Amino acid sequence: MRRIDAIGIAIGVFAAGGIAYLLLNFAGLDDVSAGIWSQVLLVGGVLGWTLSYLWRVSNANMTYHQQIKDYEEAVLQKRLEEMTPEELEKLQAEIEAEKEQA
């Protein structure tokens, strides 16, 4: 994430809080109640986002992990393409031998 993206997200969160306050105030809540409820909504949203982030981290379902996996698969595919038919046969025999041992 770039710095400008983080700044944009922060401005968006503050704008969402202001909009929530105005909507709640327009709906008939007094200033204090509208402020409290808009803060409750924002804190709930931030906590929900944080919990979803922690869930993705614990399950290794992050962009970084996916990039590493894709890179490793590309490297292995390139190595397989560069192997001679004799090397491929040898590798296949090793794999079958390991399957029989398991």
PDB file of N, CA and C in Angstrom:
ATOM      1  N   MET A   1       0.850  -1.167   0.000  1.00  0.00           N
ATOM      2  CA  MET A   1       0.000   0.000   0.000  1.00  0.00           C
ATOM      3  C   MET A   1       0.900   1.236   0.000  1.00  0.00           C
ATOM      4  N   ARG A   2       0.543   2.132  -0.851  1.00  0.00           N
ATOM      5  CA  ARG A   2       1.316   3.368  -0.925  1.00  0.00           C
ATOM      6  C   ARG A   2       0.855   4.352   0.153  1.00  0.00           C
ATOM      7  N   ARG A   3       1.681   5.340   0.399  1.00  0.00           N
ATOM      8  CA  ARG A   3       1.372   6.336   1.419  1.00  0.00           C
ATOM      9  C   ARG A   3       0.097   7.099   1.069  1.00  0.00           C
ATOM     10  N   ILE A   4      -0.081   7.433  -0.208  1.00  0.00           N
ATOM     11  CA  ILE A   4      -1.267   8.178  -0.616  1.00  0.00           C
ATOM     12  C   ILE A   4      -2.533   7.346  -0.416  1.00  0.00           C
ATOM     13  N   ASP A   5      -2.423   6.024  -0.558  1.00  0.00           N
ATOM     14  CA  ASP A   5      -3.571   5.153  -0.306  1.00  0.00           C
ATOM     15  C   ASP A   5      -3.965   5.203   1.171  1.00  0.00           C
ATOM     16  N   ALA A   6      -2.966   5.151   2.048  1.00  0.00           N
ATOM     17  CA  ALA A   6      -3.245   5.212   3.489  1.00  0.00           C
ATOM     18  C   ALA A   6      -3.864   6.559   3.865  1.00  0.00           C
ATOM     19  N   ILE A   7      -3.372   7.623   3.261  1.00  0.00           N
ATOM     20  CA  ILE A   7      -3.943   8.952   3.533  1.00  0.00           C
ATOM     21  C   ILE A   7      -5.386   8.999   3.043  1.00  0.00           C
ATOM     22  N   GLY A   8      -5.638   8.451   1.865  1.00  0.00           N
ATOM     23  CA  GLY A   8      -7.003   8.422   1.333  1.00  0.00           C
ATOM     24  C   GLY A   8      -7.944   7.625   2.208  1.00  0.00           C
ATOM     25  N   ILE A   9      -7.484   6.499   2.719  1.00  0.00           N
ATOM     26  CA  ILE A   9      -8.314   5.683   3.606  1.00  0.00           C
ATOM     27  C   ILE A   9      -8.623   6.440   4.894  1.00  0.00           C
ATOM     28  N   ALA A  10      -7.608   7.105   5.452  1.00  0.00           N
ATOM     29  CA  ALA A  10      -7.818   7.872   6.689  1.00  0.00           C
ATOM     30  C   ALA A  10      -8.827   8.994   6.468  1.00  0.00           C
ATOM     31  N   ILE A  11      -8.700   9.700   5.356  1.00  0.00           N
ATOM     32  CA  ILE A  11      -9.657  10.772   5.054  1.00  0.00           C
ATOM     33  C   ILE A  11     -11.047  10.181   4.858  1.00  0.00           C
ATOM     34  N   GLY A  12     -11.130   9.020   4.200  1.00  0.00           N
ATOM     35  CA  GLY A  12     -12.419   8.361   4.004  1.00  0.00           C
ATOM     36  C   GLY A  12     -13.072   7.957   5.317  1.00  0.00           C
ATOM     37  N   VAL A  13     -12.279   7.475   6.261  1.00  0.00           N
ATOM     38  CA  VAL A  13     -12.826   7.084   7.567  1.00  0.00           C
ATOM     39  C   VAL A  13     -13.358   8.313   8.306  1.00  0.00           C
ATOM     40  N   PHE A  14     -12.584   9.398   8.279  1.00  0.00           N
ATOM     41  CA  PHE A  14     -13.069  10.619   8.936  1.00  0.00           C
ATOM     42  C   PHE A  14     -14.322  11.148   8.242  1.00  0.00           C
ATOM     43  N   ALA A  15     -14.359  11.086   6.925  1.00  0.00           N
ATOM     44  CA  ALA A  15     -15.541  11.541   6.193  1.00  0.00           C
ATOM     45  C   ALA A  15     -16.741  10.661   6.522  1.00  0.00           C
ATOM     46  N   ALA A  16     -16.533   9.348   6.616  1.00  0.00           N
ATOM     47  CA  ALA A  16     -17.630   8.436   6.965  1.00  0.00           C
ATOM     48  C   ALA A  16     -18.176   8.763   8.352  1.00  0.00           C
ATOM     49  N   GLY A  17     -17.276   9.090   9.285  1.00  0.00           N
ATOM     50  CA  GLY A  17     -17.728   9.470  10.624  1.00  0.00           C
ATOM     51  C   GLY A  17     -18.562  10.743  10.599  1.00  0.00           C
ATOM     52  N   GLY A  18     -18.115  11.717   9.821  1.00  0.00           N
ATOM     53  CA  GLY A  18     -18.875  12.970   9.716  1.00  0.00           C
ATOM     54  C   GLY A  18     -20.220  12.757   9.051  1.00  0.00           C
ATOM     55  N   ILE A  19     -20.235  11.939   8.013  1.00  0.00           N
ATOM     56  CA  ILE A  19     -21.494  11.659   7.319  1.00  0.00           C
ATOM     57  C   ILE A  19     -22.449  10.892   8.237  1.00  0.00           C
ATOM     58  N   ALA A  20     -21.924   9.918   8.981  1.00  0.00           N
ATOM     59  CA  ALA A  20     -22.764   9.177   9.924  1.00  0.00           C
ATOM     60  C   ALA A  20     -23.346  10.114  10.973  1.00  0.00           C
ATOM     61  N   TYR A  21     -22.516  11.043  11.465  1.00  0.00           N
ATOM     62  CA  TYR A  21     -22.993  12.012  12.459  1.00  0.00           C
ATOM     63  C   TYR A  21     -24.120  12.858  11.874  1.00  0.00           C
ATOM     64  N   LEU A  22     -23.915  13.356  10.659  1.00  0.00           N
ATOM     65  CA  LEU A  22     -24.938  14.211  10.038  1.00  0.00           C
ATOM     66  C   LEU A  22     -26.230  13.437   9.779  1.00  0.00           C
ATOM     67  N   LEU A  23     -26.104  12.194   9.319  1.00  0.00           N
ATOM     68  CA  LEU A  23     -27.303  11.394   9.068  1.00  0.00           C
ATOM     69  C   LEU A  23     -28.059  11.095  10.355  1.00  0.00           C
ATOM     70  N   LEU A  24     -27.311  10.751  11.403  1.00  0.00           N
ATOM     71  CA  LEU A  24     -27.970  10.475  12.684  1.00  0.00           C
ATOM     72  C   LEU A  24     -28.598  11.741  13.266  1.00  0.00           C
ATOM     73  N   ASN A  25     -27.927  12.855  13.103  1.00  0.00           N
ATOM     74  CA  ASN A  25     -28.464  14.131  13.576  1.00  0.00           C
ATOM     75  C   ASN A  25     -29.716  14.476  12.773  1.00  0.00           C
ATOM     76  N   PHE A  26     -29.684  14.253  11.470  1.00  0.00           N
ATOM     77  CA  PHE A  26     -30.841  14.512  10.615  1.00  0.00           C
ATOM     78  C   PHE A  26     -31.999  13.584  10.957  1.00  0.00           C
ATOM     79  N   ALA A  27     -31.679  12.362  11.402  1.00  0.00           N
ATOM     80  CA  ALA A  27     -32.714  11.389  11.754  1.00  0.00           C
ATOM     81  C   ALA A  27     -33.410  11.737  13.060  1.00  0.00           C
ATOM     82  N   GLY A  28     -32.914  12.728  13.794  1.00  0.00           N
ATOM     83  CA  GLY A  28     -33.618  13.163  14.984  1.00  0.00           C
ATOM     84  C   GLY A  28     -32.849  13.006  16.284  1.00  0.00           C
ATOM     85  N   LEU A  29     -31.657  12.452  16.249  1.00  0.00           N
ATOM     86  CA  LEU A  29     -30.879  12.337  17.478  1.00  0.00           C
ATOM     87  C   LEU A  29     -30.260  13.691  17.817  1.00  0.00           C
ATOM     88  N   ASP A  30     -30.115  13.954  19.104  1.00  0.00           N
ATOM     89  CA  ASP A  30     -29.459  15.205  19.501  1.00  0.00           C
ATOM     90  C   ASP A  30     -27.960  15.100  19.190  1.00  0.00           C
ATOM     91  N   ASP A  31     -27.256  16.215  19.321  1.00  0.00           N
ATOM     92  CA  ASP A  31     -25.843  16.269  18.922  1.00  0.00           C
ATOM     93  C   ASP A  31     -24.981  15.246  19.668  1.00  0.00           C
ATOM     94  N   VAL A  32     -25.194  15.135  20.968  1.00  0.00           N
ATOM     95  CA  VAL A  32     -24.373  14.228  21.765  1.00  0.00           C
ATOM     96  C   VAL A  32     -24.650  12.767  21.383  1.00  0.00           C
ATOM     97  N   SER A  33     -25.904  12.406  21.277  1.00  0.00           N
ATOM     98  CA  SER A  33     -26.249  11.028  20.919  1.00  0.00           C
ATOM     99  C   SER A  33     -25.768  10.686  19.512  1.00  0.00           C
ATOM    100  N   ALA A  34     -25.926  11.615  18.579  1.00  0.00           N
ATOM    101  CA  ALA A  34     -25.455  11.375  17.212  1.00  0.00           C
ATOM    102  C   ALA A  34     -23.941  11.193  17.201  1.00  0.00           C
ATOM    103  N   GLY A  35     -23.218  11.961  18.008  1.00  0.00           N
ATOM    104  CA  GLY A  35     -21.768  11.818  18.097  1.00  0.00           C
ATOM    105  C   GLY A  35     -21.357  10.483  18.676  1.00  0.00           C
ATOM    106  N   ILE A  36     -22.051  10.076  19.726  1.00  0.00           N
ATOM    107  CA  ILE A  36     -21.729   8.799  20.369  1.00  0.00           C
ATOM    108  C   ILE A  36     -21.998   7.645  19.404  1.00  0.00           C
ATOM    109  N   TRP A  37     -23.170   7.650  18.756  1.00  0.00           N
ATOM    110  CA  TRP A  37     -23.509   6.548  17.863  1.00  0.00           C
ATOM    111  C   TRP A  37     -22.634   6.520  16.611  1.00  0.00           C
ATOM    112  N   SER A  38     -22.231   7.678  16.117  1.00  0.00           N
ATOM    113  CA  SER A  38     -21.320   7.673  14.967  1.00  0.00           C
ATOM    114  C   SER A  38     -19.959   7.116  15.374  1.00  0.00           C
ATOM    115  N   GLN A  39     -19.517   7.408  16.600  1.00  0.00           N
ATOM    116  CA  GLN A  39     -18.266   6.838  17.089  1.00  0.00           C
ATOM    117  C   GLN A  39     -18.389   5.330  17.287  1.00  0.00           C
ATOM    118  N   VAL A  40     -19.541   4.877  17.781  1.00  0.00           N
ATOM    119  CA  VAL A  40     -19.770   3.443  17.954  1.00  0.00           C
ATOM    120  C   VAL A  40     -19.692   2.736  16.605  1.00  0.00           C
ATOM    121  N   LEU A  41     -20.300   3.320  15.572  1.00  0.00           N
ATOM    122  CA  LEU A  41     -20.262   2.730  14.237  1.00  0.00           C
ATOM    123  C   LEU A  41     -18.834   2.685  13.694  1.00  0.00           C
ATOM    124  N   LEU A  42     -18.092   3.757  13.871  1.00  0.00           N
ATOM    125  CA  LEU A  42     -16.719   3.792  13.373  1.00  0.00           C
ATOM    126  C   LEU A  42     -15.812   2.812  14.107  1.00  0.00           C
ATOM    127  N   VAL A  43     -15.928   2.769  15.422  1.00  0.00           N
ATOM    128  CA  VAL A  43     -15.102   1.844  16.201  1.00  0.00           C
ATOM    129  C   VAL A  43     -15.476   0.405  15.852  1.00  0.00           C
ATOM    130  N   GLY A  44     -16.764   0.130  15.694  1.00  0.00           N
ATOM    131  CA  GLY A  44     -17.192  -1.207  15.285  1.00  0.00           C
ATOM    132  C   GLY A  44     -16.635  -1.576  13.915  1.00  0.00           C
ATOM    133  N   GLY A  45     -16.643  -0.628  12.988  1.00  0.00           N
ATOM    134  CA  GLY A  45     -16.085  -0.886  11.664  1.00  0.00           C
ATOM    135  C   GLY A  45     -14.596  -1.156  11.710  1.00  0.00           C
ATOM    136  N   VAL A  46     -13.879  -0.366  12.501  1.00  0.00           N
ATOM    137  CA  VAL A  46     -12.423  -0.562  12.617  1.00  0.00           C
ATOM    138  C   VAL A  46     -12.119  -1.894  13.289  1.00  0.00           C
ATOM    139  N   LEU A  47     -12.867  -2.250  14.330  1.00  0.00           N
ATOM    140  CA  LEU A  47     -12.660  -3.539  14.987  1.00  0.00           C
ATOM    141  C   LEU A  47     -12.981  -4.697  14.041  1.00  0.00           C
ATOM    142  N   GLY A  48     -14.053  -4.564  13.263  1.00  0.00           N
ATOM    143  CA  GLY A  48     -14.392  -5.598  12.293  1.00  0.00           C
ATOM    144  C   GLY A  48     -13.301  -5.764  11.251  1.00  0.00           C
ATOM    145  N   TRP A  49     -12.772  -4.649  10.742  1.00  0.00           N
ATOM    146  CA  TRP A  49     -11.687  -4.715   9.766  1.00  0.00           C
ATOM    147  C   TRP A  49     -10.447  -5.352  10.382  1.00  0.00           C
ATOM    148  N   THR A  50     -10.127  -4.985  11.625  1.00  0.00           N
ATOM    149  CA  THR A  50      -8.958  -5.546  12.300  1.00  0.00           C
ATOM    150  C   THR A  50      -9.114  -7.047  12.498  1.00  0.00           C
ATOM    151  N   LEU A  51     -10.291  -7.486  12.906  1.00  0.00           N
ATOM    152  CA  LEU A  51     -10.525  -8.922  13.086  1.00  0.00           C
ATOM    153  C   LEU A  51     -10.436  -9.672  11.757  1.00  0.00           C
ATOM    154  N   SER A  52     -10.955  -9.071  10.684  1.00  0.00           N
ATOM    155  CA  SER A  52     -10.846  -9.737   9.383  1.00  0.00           C
ATOM    156  C   SER A  52      -9.391  -9.803   8.934  1.00  0.00           C
ATOM    157  N   TYR A  53      -8.619  -8.778   9.236  1.00  0.00           N
ATOM    158  CA  TYR A  53      -7.193  -8.775   8.900  1.00  0.00           C
ATOM    159  C   TYR A  53      -6.464  -9.867   9.674  1.00  0.00           C
ATOM    160  N   LEU A  54      -6.727  -9.961  10.968  1.00  0.00           N
ATOM    161  CA  LEU A  54      -6.088 -10.997  11.778  1.00  0.00           C
ATOM    162  C   LEU A  54      -6.493 -12.392  11.307  1.00  0.00           C
ATOM    163  N   TRP A  55      -7.733 -12.556  10.870  1.00  0.00           N
ATOM    164  CA  TRP A  55      -8.197 -13.837  10.338  1.00  0.00           C
ATOM    165  C   TRP A  55      -7.418 -14.195   9.072  1.00  0.00           C
ATOM    166  N   ARG A  56      -7.239 -13.212   8.166  1.00  0.00           N
ATOM    167  CA  ARG A  56      -6.496 -13.476   6.936  1.00  0.00           C
ATOM    168  C   ARG A  56      -5.031 -13.784   7.234  1.00  0.00           C
ATOM    169  N   VAL A  57      -4.452 -13.113   8.222  1.00  0.00           N
ATOM    170  CA  VAL A  57      -3.059 -13.384   8.598  1.00  0.00           C
ATOM    171  C   VAL A  57      -2.931 -14.786   9.165  1.00  0.00           C
ATOM    172  N   SER A  58      -3.838 -15.167  10.051  1.00  0.00           N
ATOM    173  CA  SER A  58      -3.741 -16.486  10.679  1.00  0.00           C
ATOM    174  C   SER A  58      -3.955 -17.612   9.673  1.00  0.00           C
ATOM    175  N   ASN A  59      -4.730 -17.370   8.612  1.00  0.00           N
ATOM    176  CA  ASN A  59      -4.975 -18.390   7.593  1.00  0.00           C
ATOM    177  C   ASN A  59      -4.018 -18.270   6.412  1.00  0.00           C
ATOM    178  N   ALA A  60      -3.049 -17.365   6.492  1.00  0.00           N
ATOM    179  CA  ALA A  60      -2.073 -17.125   5.416  1.00  0.00           C
ATOM    180  C   ALA A  60      -2.785 -16.829   4.102  1.00  0.00           C
ATOM    181  N   ASN A  61      -3.849 -16.065   4.169  1.00  0.00           N
ATOM    182  CA  ASN A  61      -4.626 -15.700   2.990  1.00  0.00           C
ATOM    183  C   ASN A  61      -4.374 -14.230   2.654  1.00  0.00           C
ATOM    184  N   MET A  62      -3.094 -13.903   2.507  1.00  0.00           N
ATOM    185  CA  MET A  62      -2.701 -12.523   2.240  1.00  0.00           C
ATOM    186  C   MET A  62      -2.108 -12.429   0.840  1.00  0.00           C
ATOM    187  N   THR A  63      -2.087 -11.247   0.290  1.00  0.00           N
ATOM    188  CA  THR A  63      -1.527 -11.020  -1.041  1.00  0.00           C
ATOM    189  C   THR A  63      -0.077 -11.462  -1.089  1.00  0.00           C
ATOM    190  N   TYR A  64       0.687 -11.148  -0.053  1.00  0.00           N
ATOM    191  CA  TYR A  64       2.107 -11.504  -0.014  1.00  0.00           C
ATOM    192  C   TYR A  64       2.294 -13.017  -0.108  1.00  0.00           C
ATOM    193  N   HIS A  65       1.518 -13.754   0.667  1.00  0.00           N
ATOM    194  CA  HIS A  65       1.620 -15.211   0.649  1.00  0.00           C
ATOM    195  C   HIS A  65       1.257 -15.768  -0.729  1.00  0.00           C
ATOM    196  N   GLN A  66       0.235 -15.185  -1.356  1.00  0.00           N
ATOM    197  CA  GLN A  66      -0.171 -15.642  -2.680  1.00  0.00           C
ATOM    198  C   GLN A  66       0.918 -15.347  -3.708  1.00  0.00           C
ATOM    199  N   GLN A  67       1.576 -14.187  -3.597  1.00  0.00           N
ATOM    200  CA  GLN A  67       2.661 -13.857  -4.516  1.00  0.00           C
ATOM    201  C   GLN A  67       3.828 -14.825  -4.355  1.00  0.00           C
ATOM    202  N   ILE A  68       4.165 -15.177  -3.129  1.00  0.00           N
ATOM    203  CA  ILE A  68       5.249 -16.132  -2.888  1.00  0.00           C
ATOM    204  C   ILE A  68       4.890 -17.490  -3.493  1.00  0.00           C
ATOM    205  N   LYS A  69       3.659 -17.936  -3.274  1.00  0.00           N
ATOM    206  CA  LYS A  69       3.214 -19.224  -3.800  1.00  0.00           C
ATOM    207  C   LYS A  69       3.273 -19.226  -5.328  1.00  0.00           C
ATOM    208  N   ASP A  70       2.776 -18.153  -5.962  1.00  0.00           N
ATOM    209  CA  ASP A  70       2.804 -18.068  -7.425  1.00  0.00           C
ATOM    210  C   ASP A  70       4.238 -18.081  -7.944  1.00  0.00           C
ATOM    211  N   TYR A  71       5.126 -17.382  -7.257  1.00  0.00           N
ATOM    212  CA  TYR A  71       6.528 -17.340  -7.677  1.00  0.00           C
ATOM    213  C   TYR A  71       7.165 -18.726  -7.578  1.00  0.00           C
ATOM    214  N   GLU A  72       6.933 -19.413  -6.462  1.00  0.00           N
ATOM    215  CA  GLU A  72       7.507 -20.748  -6.288  1.00  0.00           C
ATOM    216  C   GLU A  72       6.992 -21.712  -7.356  1.00  0.00           C
ATOM    217  N   GLU A  73       5.708 -21.622  -7.668  1.00  0.00           N
ATOM    218  CA  GLU A  73       5.146 -22.485  -8.712  1.00  0.00           C
ATOM    219  C   GLU A  73       5.748 -22.171 -10.075  1.00  0.00           C
ATOM    220  N   ALA A  74       5.966 -20.883 -10.368  1.00  0.00           N
ATOM    221  CA  ALA A  74       6.564 -20.495 -11.650  1.00  0.00           C
ATOM    222  C   ALA A  74       7.996 -21.004 -11.752  1.00  0.00           C
ATOM    223  N   VAL A  75       8.754 -20.927 -10.653  1.00  0.00           N
ATOM    224  CA  VAL A  75      10.141 -21.413 -10.660  1.00  0.00           C
ATOM    225  C   VAL A  75      10.170 -22.921 -10.881  1.00  0.00           C
ATOM    226  N   LEU A  76       9.304 -23.656 -10.182  1.00  0.00           N
ATOM    227  CA  LEU A  76       9.258 -25.104 -10.361  1.00  0.00           C
ATOM    228  C   LEU A  76       8.837 -25.482 -11.778  1.00  0.00           C
ATOM    229  N   GLN A  77       7.869 -24.758 -12.341  1.00  0.00           N
ATOM    230  CA  GLN A  77       7.431 -25.032 -13.705  1.00  0.00           C
ATOM    231  C   GLN A  77       8.562 -24.793 -14.694  1.00  0.00           C
ATOM    232  N   LYS A  78       9.313 -23.718 -14.502  1.00  0.00           N
ATOM    233  CA  LYS A  78      10.441 -23.423 -15.393  1.00  0.00           C
ATOM    234  C   LYS A  78      11.511 -24.507 -15.288  1.00  0.00           C
ATOM    235  N   ARG A  79      11.769 -24.971 -14.081  1.00  0.00           N
ATOM    236  CA  ARG A  79      12.757 -26.046 -13.898  1.00  0.00           C
ATOM    237  C   ARG A  79      12.302 -27.336 -14.583  1.00  0.00           C
ATOM    238  N   LEU A  80      11.009 -27.642 -14.474  1.00  0.00           N
ATOM    239  CA  LEU A  80      10.493 -28.835 -15.147  1.00  0.00           C
ATOM    240  C   LEU A  80      10.622 -28.718 -16.661  1.00  0.00           C
ATOM    241  N   GLU A  81      10.360 -27.535 -17.196  1.00  0.00           N
ATOM    242  CA  GLU A  81      10.458 -27.333 -18.642  1.00  0.00           C
ATOM    243  C   GLU A  81      11.895 -27.463 -19.131  1.00  0.00           C
ATOM    244  N   GLU A  82      12.865 -27.142 -18.288  1.00  0.00           N
ATOM    245  CA  GLU A  82      14.267 -27.195 -18.684  1.00  0.00           C
ATOM    246  C   GLU A  82      14.871 -28.589 -18.544  1.00  0.00           C
ATOM    247  N   MET A  83      14.153 -29.507 -17.901  1.00  0.00           N
ATOM    248  CA  MET A  83      14.688 -30.849 -17.682  1.00  0.00           C
ATOM    249  C   MET A  83      14.629 -31.667 -18.976  1.00  0.00           C
ATOM    250  N   THR A  84      15.613 -32.540 -19.135  1.00  0.00           N
ATOM    251  CA  THR A  84      15.633 -33.450 -20.281  1.00  0.00           C
ATOM    252  C   THR A  84      14.669 -34.598 -20.024  1.00  0.00           C
ATOM    253  N   PRO A  85      14.288 -35.316 -21.057  1.00  0.00           N
ATOM    254  CA  PRO A  85      13.378 -36.467 -20.849  1.00  0.00           C
ATOM    255  C   PRO A  85      13.952 -37.501 -19.886  1.00  0.00           C
ATOM    256  N   GLU A  86      15.270 -37.700 -19.907  1.00  0.00           N
ATOM    257  CA  GLU A  86      15.886 -38.660 -18.994  1.00  0.00           C
ATOM    258  C   GLU A  86      15.756 -38.196 -17.543  1.00  0.00           C
ATOM    259  N   GLU A  87      15.962 -36.903 -17.330  1.00  0.00           N
ATOM    260  CA  GLU A  87      15.833 -36.359 -15.973  1.00  0.00           C
ATOM    261  C   GLU A  87      14.385 -36.454 -15.496  1.00  0.00           C
ATOM    262  N   LEU A  88      13.439 -36.220 -16.407  1.00  0.00           N
ATOM    263  CA  LEU A  88      12.023 -36.340 -16.038  1.00  0.00           C
ATOM    264  C   LEU A  88      11.660 -37.767 -15.651  1.00  0.00           C
ATOM    265  N   GLU A  89      12.200 -38.741 -16.404  1.00  0.00           N
ATOM    266  CA  GLU A  89      11.947 -40.146 -16.070  1.00  0.00           C
ATOM    267  C   GLU A  89      12.530 -40.494 -14.708  1.00  0.00           C
ATOM    268  N   LYS A  90      13.730 -39.983 -14.444  1.00  0.00           N
ATOM    269  CA  LYS A  90      14.371 -40.244 -13.154  1.00  0.00           C
ATOM    270  C   LYS A  90      13.553 -39.645 -12.018  1.00  0.00           C
ATOM    271  N   LEU A  91      13.074 -38.413 -12.220  1.00  0.00           N
ATOM    272  CA  LEU A  91      12.251 -37.741 -11.215  1.00  0.00           C
ATOM    273  C   LEU A  91      10.956 -38.515 -10.983  1.00  0.00           C
ATOM    274  N   GLN A  92      10.324 -38.974 -12.062  1.00  0.00           N
ATOM    275  CA  GLN A  92       9.089 -39.747 -11.944  1.00  0.00           C
ATOM    276  C   GLN A  92       9.332 -41.042 -11.167  1.00  0.00           C
ATOM    277  N   ALA A  93      10.467 -41.692 -11.421  1.00  0.00           N
ATOM    278  CA  ALA A  93      10.789 -42.925 -10.702  1.00  0.00           C
ATOM    279  C   ALA A  93      10.988 -42.644  -9.213  1.00  0.00           C
ATOM    280  N   GLU A  94      11.629 -41.520  -8.885  1.00  0.00           N
ATOM    281  CA  GLU A  94      11.830 -41.151  -7.474  1.00  0.00           C
ATOM    282  C   GLU A  94      10.490 -40.878  -6.795  1.00  0.00           C
ATOM    283  N   ILE A  95       9.588 -40.208  -7.509  1.00  0.00           N
ATOM    284  CA  ILE A  95       8.272 -39.900  -6.928  1.00  0.00           C
ATOM    285  C   ILE A  95       7.495 -41.184  -6.665  1.00  0.00           C
ATOM    286  N   GLU A  96       7.525 -42.106  -7.630  1.00  0.00           N
ATOM    287  CA  GLU A  96       6.819 -43.380  -7.444  1.00  0.00           C
ATOM    288  C   GLU A  96       7.418 -44.187  -6.299  1.00  0.00           C
ATOM    289  N   ALA A  97       8.757 -44.121  -6.155  1.00  0.00           N
ATOM    290  CA  ALA A  97       9.407 -44.841  -5.051  1.00  0.00           C
ATOM    291  C   ALA A  97       8.974 -44.259  -3.704  1.00  0.00           C
ATOM    292  N   GLU A  98       8.852 -42.956  -3.635  1.00  0.00           N
ATOM    293  CA  GLU A  98       8.422 -42.316  -2.379  1.00  0.00           C
ATOM    294  C   GLU A  98       6.962 -42.663  -2.072  1.00  0.00           C
ATOM    295  N   LYS A  99       6.132 -42.734  -3.117  1.00  0.00           N
ATOM    296  CA  LYS A  99       4.727 -43.107  -2.904  1.00  0.00           C
ATOM    297  C   LYS A  99       4.621 -44.520  -2.356  1.00  0.00           C
ATOM    298  N   GLU A 100       5.459 -45.428  -2.871  1.00  0.00           N
ATOM    299  CA  GLU A 100       5.420 -46.818  -2.395  1.00  0.00           C
ATOM    300  C   GLU A 100       5.883 -46.925  -0.945  1.00  0.00           C
ATOM    301  N   GLN A 101       6.844 -46.089  -0.550  1.00  0.00           N
ATOM    302  CA  GLN A 101       7.322 -46.112   0.835  1.00  0.00           C
ATOM    303  C   GLN A 101       6.270 -45.564   1.787  1.00  0.00           C
ATOM    304  N   ALA A 102       5.473 -44.635   1.337  1.00  0.00           N
ATOM    305  CA  ALA A 102       4.442 -44.027   2.189  1.00  0.00           C
ATOM    306  C   ALA A 102       3.263 -44.927   2.246  1.00  0.00           C
TER     307      ALA A 102
END
